[in-house]
Amino acid sequence: MDKKIIKNCIRCKHCGDVIESETTHDFKFCSCGKVAIDGGHSYLKRSDNPNDWEELSETVENS
């Protein structure tokens, strides 16, 4: 089953910023520039090393 994205969000482990992509192609960097996020509620896209960010997104199973 696919998952529906409720919240597309990560926390940078370097600067502590929490960044959220709210719409498709809403590409955002944290303030230190180490990580970025994209996709809004359409897809989950992350940049750089997965060890640099903490996943905070929320998803639910599609019915």
C-alpha atoms as a PDB file:
ATOM      1  CA  MET A   1       0.000   0.000   0.000  1.00  0.00           C
ATOM      2  CA  ASP A   2       1.047   3.549  -0.684  1.00  0.00           C
ATOM      3  CA  LYS A   3       1.364   6.136   2.029  1.00  0.00           C
ATOM      4  CA  LYS A   4      -0.210   9.577   2.045  1.00  0.00           C
ATOM      5  CA  ILE A   5       2.141  12.344   3.190  1.00  0.00           C
ATOM      6  CA  ILE A   6       0.608  14.457   5.940  1.00  0.00           C
ATOM      7  CA  LYS A   7       3.742  16.427   6.862  1.00  0.00           C
ATOM      8  CA  ASN A   8       7.079  16.573   4.977  1.00  0.00           C
ATOM      9  CA  CYS A   9       9.607  17.712   7.552  1.00  0.00           C
ATOM     10  CA  ILE A  10      13.195  17.138   8.783  1.00  0.00           C
ATOM     11  CA  ARG A  11      15.548  18.531  11.454  1.00  0.00           C
ATOM     12  CA  CYS A  12      19.154  19.401  10.613  1.00  0.00           C
ATOM     13  CA  LYS A  13      21.541  17.720  13.057  1.00  0.00           C
ATOM     14  CA  HIS A  14      24.072  20.537  12.564  1.00  0.00           C
ATOM     15  CA  CYS A  15      22.103  23.760  13.100  1.00  0.00           C
ATOM     16  CA  GLY A  16      18.918  22.313  14.639  1.00  0.00           C
ATOM     17  CA  ASP A  17      16.599  23.954  12.103  1.00  0.00           C
ATOM     18  CA  VAL A  18      13.320  22.198  11.404  1.00  0.00           C
ATOM     19  CA  ILE A  19      12.381  22.672   7.760  1.00  0.00           C
ATOM     20  CA  GLU A  20       9.136  21.672   6.083  1.00  0.00           C
ATOM     21  CA  SER A  21       8.202  21.404   2.420  1.00  0.00           C
ATOM     22  CA  GLU A  22       4.537  22.323   2.131  1.00  0.00           C
ATOM     23  CA  THR A  23       3.871  22.143  -1.615  1.00  0.00           C
ATOM     24  CA  THR A  24       5.255  20.240  -4.615  1.00  0.00           C
ATOM     25  CA  HIS A  25       8.650  21.706  -5.624  1.00  0.00           C
ATOM     26  CA  ASP A  26       8.853  23.691  -2.339  1.00  0.00           C
ATOM     27  CA  PHE A  27      12.637  23.193  -2.067  1.00  0.00           C
ATOM     28  CA  LYS A  28      14.150  24.547   1.167  1.00  0.00           C
ATOM     29  CA  PHE A  29      17.593  24.528   2.815  1.00  0.00           C
ATOM     30  CA  CYS A  30      18.264  24.781   6.537  1.00  0.00           C
ATOM     31  CA  SER A  31      20.108  27.930   7.686  1.00  0.00           C
ATOM     32  CA  CYS A  32      23.558  26.275   7.686  1.00  0.00           C
ATOM     33  CA  GLY A  33      22.996  24.816   4.190  1.00  0.00           C
ATOM     34  CA  LYS A  34      23.895  21.218   5.107  1.00  0.00           C
ATOM     35  CA  VAL A  35      20.475  19.683   4.283  1.00  0.00           C
ATOM     36  CA  ALA A  36      17.490  20.425   2.060  1.00  0.00           C
ATOM     37  CA  ILE A  37      13.958  19.130   1.622  1.00  0.00           C
ATOM     38  CA  ASP A  38      11.473  19.051  -1.249  1.00  0.00           C
ATOM     39  CA  GLY A  39       8.204  17.482  -2.374  1.00  0.00           C
ATOM     40  CA  GLY A  40       5.427  18.869  -0.204  1.00  0.00           C
ATOM     41  CA  HIS A  41       2.664  16.285   0.104  1.00  0.00           C
ATOM     42  CA  SER A  42       3.553  14.696  -3.267  1.00  0.00           C
ATOM     43  CA  TYR A  43       6.920  13.052  -2.523  1.00  0.00           C
ATOM     44  CA  LEU A  44       9.692  12.933   0.113  1.00  0.00           C
ATOM     45  CA  LYS A  45      13.004  14.223  -1.248  1.00  0.00           C
ATOM     46  CA  ARG A  46      16.096  14.837   0.872  1.00  0.00           C
ATOM     47  CA  SER A  47      19.522  16.115  -0.046  1.00  0.00           C
ATOM     48  CA  ASP A  48      22.951  15.146   1.194  1.00  0.00           C
ATOM     49  CA  ASN A  49      23.887  12.553   3.797  1.00  0.00           C
ATOM     50  CA  PRO A  50      21.030  10.864   5.734  1.00  0.00           C
ATOM     51  CA  ASN A  51      23.213  11.089   8.866  1.00  0.00           C
ATOM     52  CA  ASP A  52      22.903  14.896   8.690  1.00  0.00           C
ATOM     53  CA  TRP A  53      19.139  15.041   9.287  1.00  0.00           C
ATOM     54  CA  GLU A  54      16.407  13.559  11.471  1.00  0.00           C
ATOM     55  CA  GLU A  55      13.146  12.503   9.830  1.00  0.00           C
ATOM     56  CA  LEU A  56      10.054  14.238  11.265  1.00  0.00           C
ATOM     57  CA  SER A  57       7.578  13.546   8.447  1.00  0.00           C
ATOM     58  CA  GLU A  58       4.146  12.094   9.100  1.00  0.00           C
ATOM     59  CA  THR A  59       2.452   9.613   6.772  1.00  0.00           C
ATOM     60  CA  VAL A  60      -0.668   7.428   6.846  1.00  0.00           C
ATOM     61  CA  GLU A  61      -1.642   4.360   4.857  1.00  0.00           C
ATOM     62  CA  ASN A  62      -3.855   5.077   1.836  1.00  0.00           C
ATOM     63  CA  SER A  63      -7.140   3.228   1.979  1.00  0.00           C
END
